[in-house]
Amino acid sequence: MLIALLIPLGLAIAAFAAILARAVWSAGAKPTREGLVLGAVTNFFDTLGIGSFAPTTAWFKFRNLVPDGIIPQTMLVGHSLPTMAQAVIFLILLGVVVDPVLLVGCMIALLMGGLLGAPLVARARIWVIQLVVGVALLVAAGLYAMTNLDLMPGGGTASSLPASLTVIAIVANFLFGILLNFGVGHYAPSLIMLSLMGLDPRLAFPIMAGGGALTVAGAGVRHISMGQIDLRIVIGMAIGGVPAVLLAAFLVKEMPLEMLRWLVIAVVLYASAVMLRASMAGNRESRVEAAAAGVIG
């Protein structure tokens, strides 16, 4: 089964890399130094379980690297290749232990949700995107705090779930796939959900990384074709992120991450406040414009 999963994953990685390289070549985009460093740092700690979406969004907003309206898709495409590298590693290390129905079902469901959500975020108003991302950052900060305070579920020892819980997990992953396009990471909610269901938390990683790899490949291709991304940041994050994933996976076994998580919480809360404030301002402007159009009409 592992070979059956790795072959299509390898083909997806090759196809995505080729499409991204062609887009970068056509646009003449060159990686930025900040993108390289950001990709390396966020993906290094993502491999250790901290997550990459919330810190990346926070840094984008803090530094004003890209416009708010294209933050989610730029981040998703930028993290695509590093996420694929994680998937290969976790599938090789732990994939053979997980129930294949649960593993494949969640992976496909996440992919389908990601494909459905890609055009939704492209059509959404900027203030709506700001609102979704701002709330997502608040949730992420809460999850980081729960981890530091030992309130996260410890999980069980199971390698499979009952049929009813398997169906729930698959449906939930479909929803997580849609939200990925809005910059809402799926690692933390997936880990909590599967752990509460009794799955060994370690076995959640091949499910999360495998599904994430397929999803970012599928949704990422759609975002690349739509052109609403910053390719300079994207290629920088990809080039910096892949080596960082390999380093974290093979050289780092244990690392005290509590202090880093508290720092991430502070940064994420700040970015969330800024994003929500921008969303409220954008909503007010939208209402004013709508009212003015109604008066003129």
C-alpha atoms as a PDB file:
ATOM      1  CA  MET A   1       0.000   0.000   0.000  1.00  0.00           C
ATOM      2  CA  LEU A   2       2.870   2.348   0.806  1.00  0.00           C
ATOM      3  CA  ILE A   3       4.263   2.049  -2.721  1.00  0.00           C
ATOM      4  CA  ALA A   4       0.757   2.593  -4.117  1.00  0.00           C
ATOM      5  CA  LEU A   5       0.596   5.887  -2.196  1.00  0.00           C
ATOM      6  CA  LEU A   6       4.133   7.061  -2.897  1.00  0.00           C
ATOM      7  CA  ILE A   7       3.886   6.602  -6.684  1.00  0.00           C
ATOM      8  CA  PRO A   8       0.933   9.009  -7.231  1.00  0.00           C
ATOM      9  CA  LEU A   9       2.378  11.359  -4.626  1.00  0.00           C
ATOM     10  CA  GLY A  10       5.683  11.392  -6.498  1.00  0.00           C
ATOM     11  CA  LEU A  11       3.896  12.096  -9.771  1.00  0.00           C
ATOM     12  CA  ALA A  12       1.921  14.914  -8.115  1.00  0.00           C
ATOM     13  CA  ILE A  13       5.130  16.436  -6.748  1.00  0.00           C
ATOM     14  CA  ALA A  14       6.834  16.270 -10.148  1.00  0.00           C
ATOM     15  CA  ALA A  15       3.835  17.770 -11.937  1.00  0.00           C
ATOM     16  CA  PHE A  16       3.421  20.568  -9.409  1.00  0.00           C
ATOM     17  CA  ALA A  17       7.132  21.413  -9.458  1.00  0.00           C
ATOM     18  CA  ALA A  18       7.079  21.579 -13.262  1.00  0.00           C
ATOM     19  CA  ILE A  19       4.014  23.851 -13.332  1.00  0.00           C
ATOM     20  CA  LEU A  20       5.465  26.130 -10.653  1.00  0.00           C
ATOM     21  CA  ALA A  21       8.837  26.286 -12.421  1.00  0.00           C
ATOM     22  CA  ARG A  22       7.159  27.209 -15.718  1.00  0.00           C
ATOM     23  CA  ALA A  23       5.150  29.979 -14.034  1.00  0.00           C
ATOM     24  CA  VAL A  24       8.264  31.336 -12.318  1.00  0.00           C
ATOM     25  CA  TRP A  25      10.244  31.200 -15.570  1.00  0.00           C
ATOM     26  CA  SER A  26       7.493  32.930 -17.549  1.00  0.00           C
ATOM     27  CA  ALA A  27       7.165  35.701 -14.972  1.00  0.00           C
ATOM     28  CA  GLY A  28      10.917  36.072 -14.523  1.00  0.00           C
ATOM     29  CA  ALA A  29      10.389  35.897 -10.764  1.00  0.00           C
ATOM     30  CA  LYS A  30      13.401  35.655  -8.472  1.00  0.00           C
ATOM     31  CA  PRO A  31      13.237  34.437  -4.857  1.00  0.00           C
ATOM     32  CA  THR A  32      13.504  37.084  -2.185  1.00  0.00           C
ATOM     33  CA  ARG A  33      15.896  36.663   0.751  1.00  0.00           C
ATOM     34  CA  GLU A  34      13.049  37.197   3.188  1.00  0.00           C
ATOM     35  CA  GLY A  35      11.032  34.499   1.451  1.00  0.00           C
ATOM     36  CA  LEU A  36      13.950  32.063   1.718  1.00  0.00           C
ATOM     37  CA  VAL A  37      14.400  32.678   5.443  1.00  0.00           C
ATOM     38  CA  LEU A  38      10.661  32.626   6.143  1.00  0.00           C
ATOM     39  CA  GLY A  39      10.227  29.329   4.297  1.00  0.00           C
ATOM     40  CA  ALA A  40      13.171  27.743   6.104  1.00  0.00           C
ATOM     41  CA  VAL A  41      12.129  28.815   9.601  1.00  0.00           C
ATOM     42  CA  THR A  42       8.400  28.110   9.361  1.00  0.00           C
ATOM     43  CA  ASN A  43       8.794  24.728   7.659  1.00  0.00           C
ATOM     44  CA  PHE A  44      11.537  23.620  10.051  1.00  0.00           C
ATOM     45  CA  PHE A  45       9.229  24.103  13.021  1.00  0.00           C
ATOM     46  CA  ASP A  46       6.211  22.874  11.066  1.00  0.00           C
ATOM     47  CA  THR A  47       7.956  19.505  10.761  1.00  0.00           C
ATOM     48  CA  LEU A  48       8.354  19.494  14.544  1.00  0.00           C
ATOM     49  CA  GLY A  49       4.591  20.004  14.967  1.00  0.00           C
ATOM     50  CA  ILE A  50       4.319  23.763  15.591  1.00  0.00           C
ATOM     51  CA  GLY A  51       2.570  24.505  12.296  1.00  0.00           C
ATOM     52  CA  SER A  52       3.453  26.944   9.531  1.00  0.00           C
ATOM     53  CA  PHE A  53       0.279  28.713   8.385  1.00  0.00           C
ATOM     54  CA  ALA A  54      -0.319  30.925  11.413  1.00  0.00           C
ATOM     55  CA  PRO A  55       3.304  32.127  11.799  1.00  0.00           C
ATOM     56  CA  THR A  56       3.560  32.718   8.049  1.00  0.00           C
ATOM     57  CA  THR A  57       0.336  34.721   7.949  1.00  0.00           C
ATOM     58  CA  ALA A  58       1.467  36.721  10.945  1.00  0.00           C
ATOM     59  CA  TRP A  59       4.800  37.539   9.310  1.00  0.00           C
ATOM     60  CA  PHE A  60       3.138  38.440   6.002  1.00  0.00           C
ATOM     61  CA  LYS A  61       0.893  40.880   7.826  1.00  0.00           C
ATOM     62  CA  PHE A  62       3.590  42.221  10.159  1.00  0.00           C
ATOM     63  CA  ARG A  63       5.946  42.957   7.266  1.00  0.00           C
ATOM     64  CA  ASN A  64       3.282  43.843   4.669  1.00  0.00           C
ATOM     65  CA  LEU A  65       4.973  41.419   2.252  1.00  0.00           C
ATOM     66  CA  VAL A  66       1.869  40.773   0.124  1.00  0.00           C
ATOM     67  CA  PRO A  67      -1.609  42.350  -0.126  1.00  0.00           C
ATOM     68  CA  ASP A  68      -4.185  40.877   2.276  1.00  0.00           C
ATOM     69  CA  GLY A  69      -6.302  39.554  -0.590  1.00  0.00           C
ATOM     70  CA  ILE A  70      -3.601  37.151  -1.786  1.00  0.00           C
ATOM     71  CA  ILE A  71      -2.083  36.116   1.548  1.00  0.00           C
ATOM     72  CA  PRO A  72      -3.843  32.695   1.769  1.00  0.00           C
ATOM     73  CA  GLN A  73      -3.036  31.511  -1.749  1.00  0.00           C
ATOM     74  CA  THR A  74       0.539  32.845  -1.713  1.00  0.00           C
ATOM     75  CA  MET A  75       1.140  31.036   1.562  1.00  0.00           C
ATOM     76  CA  LEU A  76      -0.483  27.806   0.383  1.00  0.00           C
ATOM     77  CA  VAL A  77       1.544  27.629  -2.824  1.00  0.00           C
ATOM     78  CA  GLY A  78       4.750  28.668  -1.039  1.00  0.00           C
ATOM     79  CA  HIS A  79       4.424  25.850   1.491  1.00  0.00           C
ATOM     80  CA  SER A  80       3.444  23.254  -1.125  1.00  0.00           C
ATOM     81  CA  LEU A  81       6.810  21.653  -1.913  1.00  0.00           C
ATOM     82  CA  PRO A  82       7.979  21.565   1.746  1.00  0.00           C
ATOM     83  CA  THR A  83       4.645  19.954   2.709  1.00  0.00           C
ATOM     84  CA  MET A  84       5.169  17.352   0.000  1.00  0.00           C
ATOM     85  CA  ALA A  85       8.616  16.593   1.398  1.00  0.00           C
ATOM     86  CA  GLN A  86       7.037  16.095   4.828  1.00  0.00           C
ATOM     87  CA  ALA A  87       4.459  13.742   3.349  1.00  0.00           C
ATOM     88  CA  VAL A  88       7.079  11.476   1.784  1.00  0.00           C
ATOM     89  CA  ILE A  89       9.037  11.319   5.047  1.00  0.00           C
ATOM     90  CA  PHE A  90       6.051  10.623   7.324  1.00  0.00           C
ATOM     91  CA  LEU A  91       4.527   8.070   4.948  1.00  0.00           C
ATOM     92  CA  ILE A  92       7.787   6.149   4.797  1.00  0.00           C
ATOM     93  CA  LEU A  93       8.260   6.272   8.578  1.00  0.00           C
ATOM     94  CA  LEU A  94       4.676   5.712   9.772  1.00  0.00           C
ATOM     95  CA  GLY A  95       2.377   5.235   6.800  1.00  0.00           C
ATOM     96  CA  VAL A  96       2.425   1.431   6.851  1.00  0.00           C
ATOM     97  CA  VAL A  97       1.018   1.412  10.412  1.00  0.00           C
ATOM     98  CA  VAL A  98      -2.118   3.477   9.776  1.00  0.00           C
ATOM     99  CA  ASP A  99      -5.449   1.983   8.712  1.00  0.00           C
ATOM    100  CA  PRO A 100      -5.411   2.378   4.893  1.00  0.00           C
ATOM    101  CA  VAL A 101      -9.118   3.287   4.723  1.00  0.00           C
ATOM    102  CA  LEU A 102      -8.635   6.101   7.222  1.00  0.00           C
ATOM    103  CA  LEU A 103      -5.394   7.266   5.607  1.00  0.00           C
ATOM    104  CA  VAL A 104      -6.552   7.261   1.984  1.00  0.00           C
ATOM    105  CA  GLY A 105     -10.068   8.483   2.805  1.00  0.00           C
ATOM    106  CA  CYS A 106      -8.827  11.534   4.709  1.00  0.00           C
ATOM    107  CA  MET A 107      -6.215  12.308   2.058  1.00  0.00           C
ATOM    108  CA  ILE A 108      -8.740  12.250  -0.797  1.00  0.00           C
ATOM    109  CA  ALA A 109     -11.339  14.204   1.213  1.00  0.00           C
ATOM    110  CA  LEU A 110      -8.815  16.940   2.014  1.00  0.00           C
ATOM    111  CA  LEU A 111      -7.851  17.118  -1.663  1.00  0.00           C
ATOM    112  CA  MET A 112     -11.481  17.438  -2.803  1.00  0.00           C
ATOM    113  CA  GLY A 113     -12.115  20.185  -0.282  1.00  0.00           C
ATOM    114  CA  GLY A 114      -8.975  22.000  -1.374  1.00  0.00           C
ATOM    115  CA  LEU A 115     -10.008  21.910  -5.030  1.00  0.00           C
ATOM    116  CA  LEU A 116     -13.494  23.179  -4.199  1.00  0.00           C
ATOM    117  CA  GLY A 117     -12.175  25.986  -2.000  1.00  0.00           C
ATOM    118  CA  ALA A 118      -9.611  27.359  -4.469  1.00  0.00           C
ATOM    119  CA  PRO A 119     -12.077  29.314  -6.647  1.00  0.00           C
ATOM    120  CA  LEU A 120     -14.043  30.407  -3.557  1.00  0.00           C
ATOM    121  CA  VAL A 121     -11.138  32.339  -2.066  1.00  0.00           C
ATOM    122  CA  ALA A 122     -10.349  33.899  -5.444  1.00  0.00           C
ATOM    123  CA  ARG A 123     -13.888  35.328  -5.643  1.00  0.00           C
ATOM    124  CA  ALA A 124     -14.205  36.327  -2.002  1.00  0.00           C
ATOM    125  CA  ARG A 125     -14.100  39.976  -0.982  1.00  0.00           C
ATOM    126  CA  ILE A 126     -10.893  41.103   0.691  1.00  0.00           C
ATOM    127  CA  TRP A 127     -12.626  41.959   3.981  1.00  0.00           C
ATOM    128  CA  VAL A 128     -14.141  38.451   4.081  1.00  0.00           C
ATOM    129  CA  ILE A 129     -10.691  36.909   3.608  1.00  0.00           C
ATOM    130  CA  GLN A 130      -9.321  39.184   6.330  1.00  0.00           C
ATOM    131  CA  LEU A 131     -12.126  38.108   8.668  1.00  0.00           C
ATOM    132  CA  VAL A 132     -11.600  34.374   8.051  1.00  0.00           C
ATOM    133  CA  VAL A 133      -7.840  34.616   8.435  1.00  0.00           C
ATOM    134  CA  GLY A 134      -8.142  36.800  11.548  1.00  0.00           C
ATOM    135  CA  VAL A 135     -10.447  34.288  13.234  1.00  0.00           C
ATOM    136  CA  ALA A 136      -8.186  31.426  12.129  1.00  0.00           C
ATOM    137  CA  LEU A 137      -5.231  33.138  13.774  1.00  0.00           C
ATOM    138  CA  LEU A 138      -7.185  33.475  17.023  1.00  0.00           C
ATOM    139  CA  VAL A 139      -7.985  29.761  16.908  1.00  0.00           C
ATOM    140  CA  ALA A 140      -4.345  28.937  16.183  1.00  0.00           C
ATOM    141  CA  ALA A 141      -3.200  31.042  19.140  1.00  0.00           C
ATOM    142  CA  GLY A 142      -5.663  29.183  21.359  1.00  0.00           C
ATOM    143  CA  LEU A 143      -4.373  25.824  20.157  1.00  0.00           C
ATOM    144  CA  TYR A 144      -0.774  26.880  20.788  1.00  0.00           C
ATOM    145  CA  ALA A 145      -1.737  27.950  24.314  1.00  0.00           C
ATOM    146  CA  MET A 146      -3.531  24.636  24.936  1.00  0.00           C
ATOM    147  CA  THR A 147      -0.398  22.791  23.857  1.00  0.00           C
ATOM    148  CA  ASN A 148       1.780  24.792  26.253  1.00  0.00           C
ATOM    149  CA  LEU A 149      -0.672  24.300  29.127  1.00  0.00           C
ATOM    150  CA  ASP A 150      -0.900  20.520  28.494  1.00  0.00           C
ATOM    151  CA  LEU A 151      -4.588  20.811  27.625  1.00  0.00           C
ATOM    152  CA  MET A 152      -4.241  19.111  24.258  1.00  0.00           C
ATOM    153  CA  PRO A 153      -5.690  15.601  24.150  1.00  0.00           C
ATOM    154  CA  GLY A 154      -3.086  12.927  24.724  1.00  0.00           C
ATOM    155  CA  GLY A 155      -4.644  10.543  22.269  1.00  0.00           C
ATOM    156  CA  GLY A 156      -4.839   6.763  22.405  1.00  0.00           C
ATOM    157  CA  THR A 157      -2.839   3.912  20.985  1.00  0.00           C
ATOM    158  CA  ALA A 158      -5.121   2.828  18.142  1.00  0.00           C
ATOM    159  CA  SER A 159      -3.972   2.594  14.524  1.00  0.00           C
ATOM    160  CA  SER A 160      -7.530   2.531  13.180  1.00  0.00           C
ATOM    161  CA  LEU A 161     -10.949   3.918  14.080  1.00  0.00           C
ATOM    162  CA  PRO A 162     -14.495   2.483  14.134  1.00  0.00           C
ATOM    163  CA  ALA A 163     -16.448   2.919  10.896  1.00  0.00           C
ATOM    164  CA  SER A 164     -18.588   5.763  12.277  1.00  0.00           C
ATOM    165  CA  LEU A 165     -15.587   7.764  13.472  1.00  0.00           C
ATOM    166  CA  THR A 166     -13.750   7.084  10.214  1.00  0.00           C
ATOM    167  CA  VAL A 167     -16.636   8.639   8.275  1.00  0.00           C
ATOM    168  CA  ILE A 168     -16.657  11.667  10.598  1.00  0.00           C
ATOM    169  CA  ALA A 169     -12.894  12.098  10.165  1.00  0.00           C
ATOM    170  CA  ILE A 170     -13.204  11.937   6.375  1.00  0.00           C
ATOM    171  CA  VAL A 171     -16.029  14.509   6.276  1.00  0.00           C
ATOM    172  CA  ALA A 172     -14.091  16.801   8.613  1.00  0.00           C
ATOM    173  CA  ASN A 173     -11.050  16.604   6.338  1.00  0.00           C
ATOM    174  CA  PHE A 174     -13.173  17.722   3.402  1.00  0.00           C
ATOM    175  CA  LEU A 175     -14.090  20.866   5.365  1.00  0.00           C
ATOM    176  CA  PHE A 176     -10.460  21.353   6.418  1.00  0.00           C
ATOM    177  CA  GLY A 177      -9.505  21.236   2.732  1.00  0.00           C
ATOM    178  CA  ILE A 178     -11.862  24.104   1.898  1.00  0.00           C
ATOM    179  CA  LEU A 179     -10.501  26.190   4.767  1.00  0.00           C
ATOM    180  CA  LEU A 180      -6.897  25.583   3.685  1.00  0.00           C
ATOM    181  CA  ASN A 181      -7.482  27.986   0.804  1.00  0.00           C
ATOM    182  CA  PHE A 182      -8.335  30.720   3.306  1.00  0.00           C
ATOM    183  CA  GLY A 183      -5.087  30.221   5.208  1.00  0.00           C
ATOM    184  CA  VAL A 184      -6.588  28.021   7.938  1.00  0.00           C
ATOM    185  CA  GLY A 185      -4.069  25.263   8.678  1.00  0.00           C
ATOM    186  CA  HIS A 186      -5.389  21.716   9.109  1.00  0.00           C
ATOM    187  CA  TYR A 187      -2.618  20.189  11.233  1.00  0.00           C
ATOM    188  CA  ALA A 188      -3.822  21.372  14.648  1.00  0.00           C
ATOM    189  CA  PRO A 189      -7.561  20.606  14.220  1.00  0.00           C
ATOM    190  CA  SER A 190      -6.761  17.250  12.609  1.00  0.00           C
ATOM    191  CA  LEU A 191      -4.399  16.277  15.409  1.00  0.00           C
ATOM    192  CA  ILE A 192      -6.914  17.221  18.095  1.00  0.00           C
ATOM    193  CA  MET A 193      -9.807  15.474  16.356  1.00  0.00           C
ATOM    194  CA  LEU A 194      -7.949  12.212  15.663  1.00  0.00           C
ATOM    195  CA  SER A 195      -6.436  12.152  19.154  1.00  0.00           C
ATOM    196  CA  LEU A 196      -9.865  12.609  20.758  1.00  0.00           C
ATOM    197  CA  MET A 197     -11.112   9.721  18.634  1.00  0.00           C
ATOM    198  CA  GLY A 198      -8.455   7.482  20.183  1.00  0.00           C
ATOM    199  CA  LEU A 199      -5.868   7.358  17.403  1.00  0.00           C
ATOM    200  CA  ASP A 200      -2.180   7.291  18.302  1.00  0.00           C
ATOM    201  CA  PRO A 201      -1.170  10.975  17.819  1.00  0.00           C
ATOM    202  CA  ARG A 202       2.004   9.936  15.991  1.00  0.00           C
ATOM    203  CA  LEU A 203      -0.088   8.223  13.342  1.00  0.00           C
ATOM    204  CA  ALA A 204      -1.956  11.457  12.633  1.00  0.00           C
ATOM    205  CA  PHE A 205       1.162  12.874  10.966  1.00  0.00           C
ATOM    206  CA  PRO A 206       1.139  10.697   7.814  1.00  0.00           C
ATOM    207  CA  ILE A 207      -2.601  11.411   7.481  1.00  0.00           C
ATOM    208  CA  MET A 208      -2.114  15.164   7.835  1.00  0.00           C
ATOM    209  CA  ALA A 209       1.032  15.430   5.728  1.00  0.00           C
ATOM    210  CA  GLY A 210      -0.145  13.030   3.012  1.00  0.00           C
ATOM    211  CA  GLY A 211      -3.476  14.785   2.605  1.00  0.00           C
ATOM    212  CA  GLY A 212      -1.808  18.171   2.803  1.00  0.00           C
ATOM    213  CA  ALA A 213       0.622  17.253   0.028  1.00  0.00           C
ATOM    214  CA  LEU A 214      -2.101  16.165  -2.386  1.00  0.00           C
ATOM    215  CA  THR A 215      -4.263  19.159  -1.495  1.00  0.00           C
ATOM    216  CA  VAL A 216      -1.611  21.816  -1.921  1.00  0.00           C
ATOM    217  CA  ALA A 217      -0.624  20.189  -5.205  1.00  0.00           C
ATOM    218  CA  GLY A 218      -4.183  20.299  -6.549  1.00  0.00           C
ATOM    219  CA  ALA A 219      -5.256  23.628  -5.059  1.00  0.00           C
ATOM    220  CA  GLY A 220      -1.822  25.126  -5.662  1.00  0.00           C
ATOM    221  CA  VAL A 221      -2.005  24.411  -9.391  1.00  0.00           C
ATOM    222  CA  ARG A 222      -5.352  26.197  -9.544  1.00  0.00           C
ATOM    223  CA  HIS A 223      -3.981  29.218  -7.703  1.00  0.00           C
ATOM    224  CA  ILE A 224      -0.945  29.311  -9.989  1.00  0.00           C
ATOM    225  CA  SER A 225      -3.191  29.256 -13.052  1.00  0.00           C
ATOM    226  CA  MET A 226      -5.327  32.053 -11.585  1.00  0.00           C
ATOM    227  CA  GLY A 227      -2.175  34.152 -11.123  1.00  0.00           C
ATOM    228  CA  GLN A 228      -3.255  35.754  -7.843  1.00  0.00           C
ATOM    229  CA  ILE A 229      -0.043  34.969  -5.930  1.00  0.00           C
ATOM    230  CA  ASP A 230       3.334  36.603  -5.343  1.00  0.00           C
ATOM    231  CA  LEU A 231       5.721  34.251  -7.150  1.00  0.00           C
ATOM    232  CA  ARG A 232       8.830  35.888  -5.677  1.00  0.00           C
ATOM    233  CA  ILE A 233       7.719  35.007  -2.147  1.00  0.00           C
ATOM    234  CA  VAL A 234       6.412  31.604  -3.260  1.00  0.00           C
ATOM    235  CA  ILE A 235       9.634  30.410  -4.857  1.00  0.00           C
ATOM    236  CA  GLY A 236      11.686  31.757  -1.946  1.00  0.00           C
ATOM    237  CA  MET A 237       9.576  29.863   0.594  1.00  0.00           C
ATOM    238  CA  ALA A 238       9.782  26.672  -1.460  1.00  0.00           C
ATOM    239  CA  ILE A 239      13.561  26.794  -1.918  1.00  0.00           C
ATOM    240  CA  GLY A 240      14.156  27.614   1.739  1.00  0.00           C
ATOM    241  CA  GLY A 241      11.540  25.218   3.094  1.00  0.00           C
ATOM    242  CA  VAL A 242      12.471  21.857   1.571  1.00  0.00           C
ATOM    243  CA  PRO A 243      16.013  21.620   3.059  1.00  0.00           C
ATOM    244  CA  ALA A 244      14.615  22.813   6.411  1.00  0.00           C
ATOM    245  CA  VAL A 245      12.081  19.975   6.420  1.00  0.00           C
ATOM    246  CA  LEU A 246      14.799  17.402   5.753  1.00  0.00           C
ATOM    247  CA  LEU A 247      16.986  18.889   8.486  1.00  0.00           C
ATOM    248  CA  ALA A 248      14.174  18.840  11.046  1.00  0.00           C
ATOM    249  CA  ALA A 249      13.075  15.324  10.146  1.00  0.00           C
ATOM    250  CA  PHE A 250      16.462  13.632  10.200  1.00  0.00           C
ATOM    251  CA  LEU A 251      18.639  15.648  12.586  1.00  0.00           C
ATOM    252  CA  VAL A 252      16.326  16.932  15.311  1.00  0.00           C
ATOM    253  CA  LYS A 253      14.781  14.392  17.671  1.00  0.00           C
ATOM    254  CA  GLU A 254      13.680  16.473  20.646  1.00  0.00           C
ATOM    255  CA  MET A 255      13.637  20.204  21.206  1.00  0.00           C
ATOM    256  CA  PRO A 256      12.107  22.350  23.980  1.00  0.00           C
ATOM    257  CA  LEU A 257       9.478  24.297  22.042  1.00  0.00           C
ATOM    258  CA  GLU A 258       7.346  25.791  24.830  1.00  0.00           C
ATOM    259  CA  MET A 259       9.028  29.220  24.854  1.00  0.00           C
ATOM    260  CA  LEU A 260       8.922  29.419  21.083  1.00  0.00           C
ATOM    261  CA  ARG A 261       5.191  28.628  21.105  1.00  0.00           C
ATOM    262  CA  TRP A 262       4.533  31.475  23.563  1.00  0.00           C
ATOM    263  CA  LEU A 263       6.417  33.841  21.276  1.00  0.00           C
ATOM    264  CA  VAL A 264       4.407  32.573  18.309  1.00  0.00           C
ATOM    265  CA  ILE A 265       1.198  33.146  20.273  1.00  0.00           C
ATOM    266  CA  ALA A 266       2.103  36.806  20.865  1.00  0.00           C
ATOM    267  CA  VAL A 267       2.937  37.395  17.202  1.00  0.00           C
ATOM    268  CA  VAL A 268      -0.163  35.564  15.981  1.00  0.00           C
ATOM    269  CA  LEU A 269      -2.462  37.506  18.324  1.00  0.00           C
ATOM    270  CA  TYR A 270      -1.015  40.770  17.063  1.00  0.00           C
ATOM    271  CA  ALA A 271      -1.503  39.751  13.442  1.00  0.00           C
ATOM    272  CA  SER A 272      -5.038  38.571  14.182  1.00  0.00           C
ATOM    273  CA  ALA A 273      -5.943  41.926  15.761  1.00  0.00           C
ATOM    274  CA  VAL A 274      -4.560  43.813  12.761  1.00  0.00           C
ATOM    275  CA  MET A 275      -6.362  41.531  10.306  1.00  0.00           C
ATOM    276  CA  LEU A 276      -9.716  41.748  12.113  1.00  0.00           C
ATOM    277  CA  ARG A 277      -9.437  45.519  12.358  1.00  0.00           C
ATOM    278  CA  ALA A 278      -8.757  45.718   8.614  1.00  0.00           C
ATOM    279  CA  SER A 279     -11.729  43.418   7.988  1.00  0.00           C
ATOM    280  CA  MET A 280     -14.101  45.622   9.984  1.00  0.00           C
ATOM    281  CA  ALA A 281     -12.855  48.715   8.165  1.00  0.00           C
ATOM    282  CA  GLY A 282     -13.287  46.992   4.806  1.00  0.00           C
ATOM    283  CA  ASN A 283     -16.785  45.869   5.734  1.00  0.00           C
ATOM    284  CA  ARG A 284     -17.749  49.436   6.632  1.00  0.00           C
ATOM    285  CA  GLU A 285     -16.341  50.732   3.352  1.00  0.00           C
ATOM    286  CA  SER A 286     -18.241  48.040   1.455  1.00  0.00           C
ATOM    287  CA  ARG A 287     -21.510  49.072   3.129  1.00  0.00           C
ATOM    288  CA  VAL A 288     -20.890  52.735   2.381  1.00  0.00           C
ATOM    289  CA  GLU A 289     -20.192  51.948  -1.260  1.00  0.00           C
ATOM    290  CA  ALA A 290     -23.308  49.785  -1.486  1.00  0.00           C
ATOM    291  CA  ALA A 291     -25.432  52.520   0.092  1.00  0.00           C
ATOM    292  CA  ALA A 292     -23.998  55.135  -2.262  1.00  0.00           C
ATOM    293  CA  ALA A 293     -24.668  52.907  -5.257  1.00  0.00           C
ATOM    294  CA  GLY A 294     -28.249  52.476  -4.071  1.00  0.00           C
ATOM    295  CA  VAL A 295     -28.749  56.220  -3.755  1.00  0.00           C
ATOM    296  CA  ILE A 296     -27.279  56.845  -7.206  1.00  0.00           C
ATOM    297  CA  GLY A 297     -29.320  54.048  -8.708  1.00  0.00           C
END
